[in-house]
Amino acid sequence: MSHESTFREVQRFRQRWLWAVVVGGGLVSAVAGGPVGVLVAAALVAFVWSLRLVTEVRDDGLYVRFAPFHRSFRRVPWSAVESVESTRYRPLREYGGWGIRWRPRAVAFNVSGSRGVFVERPDDRDLLIGSQRPDELATAIRKRWQETDR
């Protein structure tokens, strides 16, 4: 059995409002902190630029990686999936923002927008994966999930 990806999405933080905050904060740090402030500002900009959410649907499971926090993918085997649903959500109200967000019995990985896929898991935390292509992601998950013996 191949572990080739049938769906792959890479998302990055590229919202204008976020970059206005990051660059504005960096400028303040650079002006107020001198050479050290410039280094801190450059490090902050580089860090935010490096953040990315990678989602893959493979034969053996759903894979999620929020780089650079995750050095490797987190795998959800098909046997650990109970249901899959494309959904709209409110990142601030429901999860407290973007990034890797926890709440009781659920974890969210989101970068931007208010659409994603909700994966219900019987023996673990439910999972919300933000996506710019949620219907396509949900379809790919359902297809692979239903093809397995579970």
N, C-alpha and C. Protein backbone atom coordinates (compact mmCIF):
# COMPACT_ATOMS: atom_id res chain seq x y z
N MET A 1 0.85 -1.19 0.00
CA MET A 1 0.00 0.00 0.00
C MET A 1 0.89 1.25 0.00
N SER A 2 0.61 2.15 -0.88
CA SER A 2 1.36 3.39 -0.99
C SER A 2 0.90 4.40 0.06
N HIS A 3 1.83 5.24 0.47
CA HIS A 3 1.47 6.30 1.40
C HIS A 3 1.49 7.65 0.70
N GLU A 4 1.18 7.62 -0.59
CA GLU A 4 1.10 8.83 -1.38
C GLU A 4 -0.07 9.69 -0.94
N SER A 5 0.11 10.96 -1.04
CA SER A 5 -0.94 11.91 -0.65
C SER A 5 -1.96 12.05 -1.77
N THR A 6 -3.26 11.95 -1.41
CA THR A 6 -4.32 12.18 -2.39
C THR A 6 -4.87 13.60 -2.27
N PHE A 7 -4.52 14.27 -1.19
CA PHE A 7 -4.90 15.66 -0.96
C PHE A 7 -3.75 16.30 -0.19
N ARG A 8 -3.35 17.49 -0.58
CA ARG A 8 -2.32 18.22 0.14
C ARG A 8 -2.64 19.70 0.08
N GLU A 9 -2.57 20.34 1.24
CA GLU A 9 -2.80 21.78 1.31
C GLU A 9 -1.77 22.39 2.25
N VAL A 10 -1.14 23.44 1.81
CA VAL A 10 -0.18 24.18 2.63
C VAL A 10 -0.73 25.59 2.80
N GLN A 11 -0.91 25.99 4.06
CA GLN A 11 -1.43 27.33 4.35
C GLN A 11 -0.40 28.09 5.18
N ARG A 12 -0.31 29.37 4.94
CA ARG A 12 0.60 30.23 5.67
C ARG A 12 -0.15 31.45 6.19
N PHE A 13 0.41 32.06 7.21
CA PHE A 13 -0.15 33.31 7.74
C PHE A 13 0.25 34.44 6.80
N ARG A 14 -0.67 34.88 5.96
CA ARG A 14 -0.38 35.96 5.01
C ARG A 14 -1.42 37.08 5.08
N GLN A 15 -2.18 37.14 6.17
CA GLN A 15 -3.20 38.18 6.31
C GLN A 15 -2.53 39.54 6.47
N ARG A 16 -3.06 40.53 5.78
CA ARG A 16 -2.49 41.88 5.83
C ARG A 16 -2.51 42.46 7.25
N TRP A 17 -3.61 42.24 7.98
CA TRP A 17 -3.72 42.80 9.33
C TRP A 17 -2.65 42.22 10.24
N LEU A 18 -2.38 40.92 10.09
CA LEU A 18 -1.36 40.28 10.92
C LEU A 18 0.01 40.85 10.63
N TRP A 19 0.32 41.01 9.34
CA TRP A 19 1.62 41.54 8.97
C TRP A 19 1.77 43.01 9.37
N ALA A 20 0.68 43.75 9.38
CA ALA A 20 0.74 45.13 9.86
C ALA A 20 1.13 45.14 11.34
N VAL A 21 0.56 44.23 12.12
CA VAL A 21 0.89 44.13 13.55
C VAL A 21 2.34 43.68 13.73
N VAL A 22 2.75 42.64 13.01
CA VAL A 22 4.10 42.09 13.15
C VAL A 22 5.15 43.12 12.74
N VAL A 23 4.95 43.74 11.58
CA VAL A 23 5.93 44.73 11.10
C VAL A 23 5.89 45.98 11.98
N GLY A 24 4.71 46.42 12.37
CA GLY A 24 4.61 47.58 13.27
C GLY A 24 5.31 47.32 14.59
N GLY A 25 5.06 46.16 15.17
CA GLY A 25 5.74 45.80 16.42
C GLY A 25 7.24 45.68 16.22
N GLY A 26 7.63 45.14 15.08
CA GLY A 26 9.06 45.02 14.77
C GLY A 26 9.72 46.38 14.64
N LEU A 27 9.04 47.33 14.00
CA LEU A 27 9.60 48.68 13.85
C LEU A 27 9.76 49.36 15.20
N VAL A 28 8.74 49.22 16.06
CA VAL A 28 8.83 49.80 17.39
C VAL A 28 10.00 49.19 18.15
N SER A 29 10.13 47.86 18.07
CA SER A 29 11.23 47.16 18.75
C SER A 29 12.58 47.62 18.20
N ALA A 30 12.67 47.77 16.89
CA ALA A 30 13.94 48.18 16.28
C ALA A 30 14.32 49.60 16.69
N VAL A 31 13.35 50.51 16.68
CA VAL A 31 13.63 51.90 17.04
C VAL A 31 13.95 52.03 18.53
N ALA A 32 13.16 51.38 19.36
CA ALA A 32 13.33 51.51 20.81
C ALA A 32 14.50 50.69 21.33
N GLY A 33 14.82 49.59 20.67
CA GLY A 33 15.82 48.67 21.21
C GLY A 33 17.18 48.73 20.56
N GLY A 34 17.36 49.61 19.59
CA GLY A 34 18.65 49.69 18.93
C GLY A 34 18.99 48.40 18.21
N PRO A 35 20.28 48.04 18.17
CA PRO A 35 20.71 46.84 17.45
C PRO A 35 20.03 45.54 17.95
N VAL A 36 19.86 45.44 19.26
CA VAL A 36 19.19 44.26 19.81
C VAL A 36 17.73 44.23 19.35
N GLY A 37 17.10 45.38 19.32
CA GLY A 37 15.72 45.48 18.85
C GLY A 37 15.58 45.08 17.40
N VAL A 38 16.57 45.44 16.59
CA VAL A 38 16.56 45.05 15.17
C VAL A 38 16.62 43.53 15.05
N LEU A 39 17.49 42.90 15.86
CA LEU A 39 17.59 41.43 15.84
C LEU A 39 16.29 40.77 16.29
N VAL A 40 15.69 41.31 17.34
CA VAL A 40 14.42 40.77 17.83
C VAL A 40 13.34 40.92 16.76
N ALA A 41 13.28 42.08 16.13
CA ALA A 41 12.29 42.33 15.10
C ALA A 41 12.49 41.38 13.92
N ALA A 42 13.74 41.20 13.50
CA ALA A 42 14.02 40.30 12.38
C ALA A 42 13.65 38.86 12.73
N ALA A 43 13.94 38.45 13.95
CA ALA A 43 13.61 37.09 14.39
C ALA A 43 12.09 36.90 14.41
N LEU A 44 11.36 37.89 14.88
CA LEU A 44 9.89 37.80 14.93
C LEU A 44 9.31 37.67 13.52
N VAL A 45 9.77 38.51 12.61
CA VAL A 45 9.28 38.46 11.23
C VAL A 45 9.62 37.11 10.60
N ALA A 46 10.84 36.62 10.79
CA ALA A 46 11.24 35.32 10.23
C ALA A 46 10.41 34.19 10.81
N PHE A 47 10.14 34.26 12.12
CA PHE A 47 9.34 33.21 12.75
C PHE A 47 7.93 33.16 12.18
N VAL A 48 7.26 34.31 12.12
CA VAL A 48 5.89 34.34 11.62
C VAL A 48 5.87 33.92 10.14
N TRP A 49 6.88 34.32 9.38
CA TRP A 49 6.96 33.94 7.97
C TRP A 49 7.10 32.42 7.82
N SER A 50 7.77 31.76 8.77
CA SER A 50 8.02 30.32 8.69
C SER A 50 6.82 29.46 9.08
N LEU A 51 5.84 30.03 9.76
CA LEU A 51 4.68 29.26 10.21
C LEU A 51 3.87 28.75 9.01
N ARG A 52 3.51 27.46 9.08
CA ARG A 52 2.67 26.90 8.01
C ARG A 52 1.93 25.67 8.51
N LEU A 53 0.74 25.50 7.99
CA LEU A 53 -0.10 24.35 8.30
C LEU A 53 -0.15 23.48 7.05
N VAL A 54 0.31 22.24 7.19
CA VAL A 54 0.30 21.30 6.08
C VAL A 54 -0.68 20.17 6.41
N THR A 55 -1.62 19.94 5.53
CA THR A 55 -2.62 18.89 5.71
C THR A 55 -2.52 17.93 4.53
N GLU A 56 -2.45 16.64 4.84
CA GLU A 56 -2.39 15.63 3.79
C GLU A 56 -3.36 14.50 4.10
N VAL A 57 -3.98 13.98 3.06
CA VAL A 57 -4.81 12.78 3.16
C VAL A 57 -4.04 11.69 2.43
N ARG A 58 -3.71 10.64 3.18
CA ARG A 58 -2.95 9.53 2.60
C ARG A 58 -3.75 8.24 2.79
N ASP A 59 -3.27 7.18 2.17
CA ASP A 59 -3.95 5.88 2.27
C ASP A 59 -4.13 5.43 3.71
N ASP A 60 -3.16 5.71 4.56
CA ASP A 60 -3.19 5.17 5.93
C ASP A 60 -3.66 6.17 6.99
N GLY A 61 -4.09 7.36 6.58
CA GLY A 61 -4.61 8.30 7.57
C GLY A 61 -4.54 9.75 7.14
N LEU A 62 -4.99 10.58 8.05
CA LEU A 62 -4.98 12.03 7.89
C LEU A 62 -3.73 12.55 8.59
N TYR A 63 -2.98 13.40 7.92
CA TYR A 63 -1.73 13.92 8.45
C TYR A 63 -1.82 15.44 8.58
N VAL A 64 -1.39 15.95 9.73
CA VAL A 64 -1.39 17.39 9.98
C VAL A 64 -0.04 17.77 10.58
N ARG A 65 0.52 18.86 10.07
CA ARG A 65 1.78 19.37 10.61
C ARG A 65 1.70 20.89 10.68
N PHE A 66 1.92 21.43 11.87
CA PHE A 66 1.95 22.87 12.04
C PHE A 66 3.41 23.25 12.30
N ALA A 67 4.10 23.59 11.22
CA ALA A 67 5.53 23.90 11.31
C ALA A 67 5.71 25.35 11.74
N PRO A 68 6.72 25.63 12.51
CA PRO A 68 7.81 24.80 12.97
C PRO A 68 7.55 24.09 14.30
N PHE A 69 6.35 24.18 14.84
CA PHE A 69 6.06 23.55 16.13
C PHE A 69 6.12 22.04 16.06
N HIS A 70 5.62 21.47 14.98
CA HIS A 70 5.68 20.02 14.79
C HIS A 70 6.86 19.72 13.86
N ARG A 71 7.80 18.94 14.34
CA ARG A 71 8.93 18.56 13.49
C ARG A 71 8.52 17.53 12.45
N SER A 72 7.49 16.76 12.77
CA SER A 72 6.98 15.76 11.81
C SER A 72 5.45 15.80 11.85
N PHE A 73 4.85 15.08 10.93
CA PHE A 73 3.40 15.05 10.85
C PHE A 73 2.78 14.35 12.05
N ARG A 74 1.59 14.79 12.42
CA ARG A 74 0.74 14.09 13.39
C ARG A 74 -0.25 13.28 12.56
N ARG A 75 -0.29 11.99 12.79
CA ARG A 75 -1.14 11.10 11.99
C ARG A 75 -2.39 10.71 12.76
N VAL A 76 -3.52 10.79 12.08
CA VAL A 76 -4.79 10.29 12.61
C VAL A 76 -5.14 9.08 11.75
N PRO A 77 -5.01 7.87 12.28
CA PRO A 77 -5.34 6.69 11.47
C PRO A 77 -6.84 6.63 11.21
N TRP A 78 -7.21 6.01 10.11
CA TRP A 78 -8.63 5.95 9.75
C TRP A 78 -9.46 5.27 10.82
N SER A 79 -8.87 4.35 11.57
CA SER A 79 -9.62 3.67 12.63
C SER A 79 -9.99 4.62 13.77
N ALA A 80 -9.34 5.78 13.83
CA ALA A 80 -9.61 6.76 14.89
C ALA A 80 -10.55 7.87 14.44
N VAL A 81 -11.21 7.68 13.30
CA VAL A 81 -12.15 8.67 12.78
C VAL A 81 -13.56 8.13 12.90
N GLU A 82 -14.43 8.94 13.48
CA GLU A 82 -15.83 8.54 13.63
C GLU A 82 -16.74 9.24 12.62
N SER A 83 -16.46 10.53 12.35
CA SER A 83 -17.23 11.26 11.34
C SER A 83 -16.41 12.44 10.84
N VAL A 84 -16.79 12.95 9.67
CA VAL A 84 -16.08 14.05 9.01
C VAL A 84 -17.12 15.01 8.46
N GLU A 85 -16.91 16.31 8.68
CA GLU A 85 -17.89 17.29 8.23
C GLU A 85 -17.19 18.59 7.85
N SER A 86 -17.47 19.08 6.65
CA SER A 86 -17.03 20.42 6.24
C SER A 86 -17.87 21.41 7.04
N THR A 87 -17.24 22.45 7.58
CA THR A 87 -17.97 23.33 8.49
C THR A 87 -17.49 24.76 8.42
N ARG A 88 -18.33 25.64 8.92
CA ARG A 88 -17.94 27.04 9.19
C ARG A 88 -17.79 27.16 10.69
N TYR A 89 -16.84 27.94 11.14
CA TYR A 89 -16.63 28.13 12.57
C TYR A 89 -16.16 29.55 12.80
N ARG A 90 -16.16 29.94 14.07
CA ARG A 90 -15.69 31.29 14.44
C ARG A 90 -14.40 31.13 15.24
N PRO A 91 -13.26 31.34 14.60
CA PRO A 91 -11.98 31.07 15.24
C PRO A 91 -11.81 31.78 16.59
N LEU A 92 -12.13 33.05 16.67
CA LEU A 92 -11.95 33.78 17.93
C LEU A 92 -12.91 33.31 19.00
N ARG A 93 -14.17 33.20 18.66
CA ARG A 93 -15.19 32.84 19.65
C ARG A 93 -15.11 31.37 20.07
N GLU A 94 -14.92 30.48 19.11
CA GLU A 94 -14.97 29.05 19.42
C GLU A 94 -13.63 28.47 19.87
N TYR A 95 -12.52 29.05 19.38
CA TYR A 95 -11.21 28.47 19.69
C TYR A 95 -10.21 29.48 20.25
N GLY A 96 -10.59 30.73 20.37
CA GLY A 96 -9.70 31.72 20.94
C GLY A 96 -8.65 32.24 19.98
N GLY A 97 -8.83 32.03 18.68
CA GLY A 97 -7.90 32.58 17.70
C GLY A 97 -7.40 31.55 16.71
N TRP A 98 -6.22 31.83 16.14
CA TRP A 98 -5.63 31.00 15.10
C TRP A 98 -4.37 30.35 15.62
N GLY A 99 -3.91 29.35 14.91
CA GLY A 99 -2.71 28.61 15.31
C GLY A 99 -3.12 27.22 15.77
N ILE A 100 -2.45 26.72 16.79
CA ILE A 100 -2.84 25.47 17.43
C ILE A 100 -3.63 25.87 18.66
N ARG A 101 -4.90 25.51 18.70
CA ARG A 101 -5.79 25.97 19.77
C ARG A 101 -6.47 24.77 20.43
N TRP A 102 -6.51 24.78 21.74
CA TRP A 102 -7.13 23.70 22.49
C TRP A 102 -8.38 24.18 23.20
N ARG A 103 -9.33 23.28 23.30
CA ARG A 103 -10.49 23.47 24.17
C ARG A 103 -10.86 22.06 24.66
N PRO A 104 -11.71 21.96 25.64
CA PRO A 104 -12.03 20.62 26.14
C PRO A 104 -12.50 19.69 25.01
N ARG A 105 -11.90 18.54 24.93
CA ARG A 105 -12.23 17.48 23.96
C ARG A 105 -12.00 17.85 22.50
N ALA A 106 -11.27 18.94 22.22
CA ALA A 106 -11.03 19.30 20.82
C ALA A 106 -9.73 20.09 20.69
N VAL A 107 -9.12 19.96 19.53
CA VAL A 107 -7.96 20.77 19.19
C VAL A 107 -8.19 21.30 17.78
N ALA A 108 -7.77 22.54 17.54
CA ALA A 108 -7.93 23.15 16.22
C ALA A 108 -6.56 23.53 15.68
N PHE A 109 -6.39 23.32 14.39
CA PHE A 109 -5.23 23.80 13.65
C PHE A 109 -5.79 24.71 12.59
N ASN A 110 -5.54 26.01 12.71
CA ASN A 110 -6.08 26.93 11.72
C ASN A 110 -5.14 28.09 11.50
N VAL A 111 -5.18 28.62 10.27
CA VAL A 111 -4.28 29.69 9.86
C VAL A 111 -5.05 30.94 9.48
N SER A 112 -6.14 30.77 8.77
CA SER A 112 -6.93 31.94 8.38
C SER A 112 -8.33 31.50 7.97
N GLY A 113 -9.22 32.44 7.92
CA GLY A 113 -10.57 32.15 7.47
C GLY A 113 -11.43 31.53 8.55
N SER A 114 -12.60 31.09 8.13
CA SER A 114 -13.57 30.55 9.07
C SER A 114 -14.20 29.26 8.54
N ARG A 115 -13.47 28.58 7.67
CA ARG A 115 -13.96 27.31 7.14
C ARG A 115 -12.95 26.23 7.41
N GLY A 116 -13.46 25.01 7.55
CA GLY A 116 -12.56 23.90 7.81
C GLY A 116 -13.30 22.59 7.82
N VAL A 117 -12.63 21.58 8.36
CA VAL A 117 -13.19 20.24 8.45
C VAL A 117 -13.14 19.80 9.91
N PHE A 118 -14.26 19.33 10.40
CA PHE A 118 -14.35 18.84 11.77
C PHE A 118 -14.31 17.32 11.72
N VAL A 119 -13.35 16.74 12.44
CA VAL A 119 -13.19 15.29 12.48
C VAL A 119 -13.51 14.83 13.90
N GLU A 120 -14.59 14.05 14.01
CA GLU A 120 -14.96 13.50 15.31
C GLU A 120 -14.17 12.22 15.53
N ARG A 121 -13.58 12.11 16.74
CA ARG A 121 -12.76 10.95 17.08
C ARG A 121 -13.31 10.32 18.36
N PRO A 122 -13.60 9.03 18.34
CA PRO A 122 -14.27 8.40 19.48
C PRO A 122 -13.43 8.30 20.75
N ASP A 123 -12.13 8.10 20.62
CA ASP A 123 -11.30 7.85 21.80
C ASP A 123 -10.25 8.93 22.06
N ASP A 124 -10.40 10.06 21.42
CA ASP A 124 -9.39 11.11 21.56
C ASP A 124 -10.07 12.46 21.34
N ARG A 125 -9.27 13.52 21.37
CA ARG A 125 -9.82 14.85 21.10
C ARG A 125 -10.32 14.95 19.67
N ASP A 126 -11.47 15.61 19.49
CA ASP A 126 -11.95 15.90 18.15
C ASP A 126 -10.99 16.90 17.53
N LEU A 127 -11.04 17.00 16.22
CA LEU A 127 -10.05 17.78 15.50
C LEU A 127 -10.74 18.72 14.52
N LEU A 128 -10.35 20.00 14.56
CA LEU A 128 -10.80 20.95 13.55
C LEU A 128 -9.57 21.36 12.76
N ILE A 129 -9.64 21.21 11.46
CA ILE A 129 -8.54 21.62 10.59
C ILE A 129 -9.06 22.73 9.70
N GLY A 130 -8.53 23.93 9.87
CA GLY A 130 -8.90 25.04 9.00
C GLY A 130 -8.41 24.74 7.59
N SER A 131 -9.19 25.18 6.60
CA SER A 131 -8.83 24.90 5.21
C SER A 131 -9.40 25.96 4.29
N GLN A 132 -8.67 26.27 3.25
CA GLN A 132 -9.17 27.15 2.20
C GLN A 132 -9.96 26.33 1.18
N ARG A 133 -9.88 24.98 1.30
CA ARG A 133 -10.58 24.05 0.40
C ARG A 133 -11.30 22.99 1.24
N PRO A 134 -12.19 23.40 2.14
CA PRO A 134 -12.77 22.45 3.09
C PRO A 134 -13.63 21.35 2.46
N ASP A 135 -14.38 21.66 1.41
CA ASP A 135 -15.22 20.64 0.79
C ASP A 135 -14.36 19.57 0.13
N GLU A 136 -13.31 20.00 -0.53
CA GLU A 136 -12.38 19.07 -1.18
C GLU A 136 -11.65 18.21 -0.14
N LEU A 137 -11.24 18.84 0.97
CA LEU A 137 -10.58 18.10 2.04
C LEU A 137 -11.52 17.07 2.66
N ALA A 138 -12.75 17.48 2.98
CA ALA A 138 -13.72 16.55 3.58
C ALA A 138 -14.01 15.39 2.64
N THR A 139 -14.13 15.66 1.36
CA THR A 139 -14.39 14.60 0.38
C THR A 139 -13.22 13.63 0.32
N ALA A 140 -12.00 14.15 0.30
CA ALA A 140 -10.81 13.28 0.26
C ALA A 140 -10.71 12.42 1.51
N ILE A 141 -11.00 13.00 2.67
CA ILE A 141 -10.97 12.23 3.93
C ILE A 141 -12.02 11.14 3.89
N ARG A 142 -13.25 11.50 3.54
CA ARG A 142 -14.34 10.51 3.51
C ARG A 142 -14.03 9.36 2.56
N LYS A 143 -13.49 9.70 1.39
CA LYS A 143 -13.19 8.67 0.39
C LYS A 143 -12.18 7.67 0.94
N ARG A 144 -11.07 8.15 1.49
CA ARG A 144 -10.04 7.24 2.03
C ARG A 144 -10.56 6.50 3.26
N TRP A 145 -11.26 7.20 4.12
CA TRP A 145 -11.78 6.61 5.35
C TRP A 145 -12.76 5.47 5.04
N GLN A 146 -13.62 5.67 4.07
CA GLN A 146 -14.61 4.67 3.72
C GLN A 146 -14.00 3.48 2.97
N GLU A 147 -12.83 3.68 2.36
CA GLU A 147 -12.15 2.60 1.65
C GLU A 147 -11.45 1.63 2.59
N THR A 148 -11.25 2.03 3.83
CA THR A 148 -10.50 1.19 4.77
C THR A 148 -11.43 0.23 5.49
N ASP A 149 -10.82 -0.78 6.10
CA ASP A 149 -11.57 -1.77 6.88
C ASP A 149 -12.02 -1.19 8.21
N ARG A 150 -11.30 -0.19 8.70
CA ARG A 150 -11.53 0.43 10.00
C ARG A 150 -11.61 -0.66 11.00
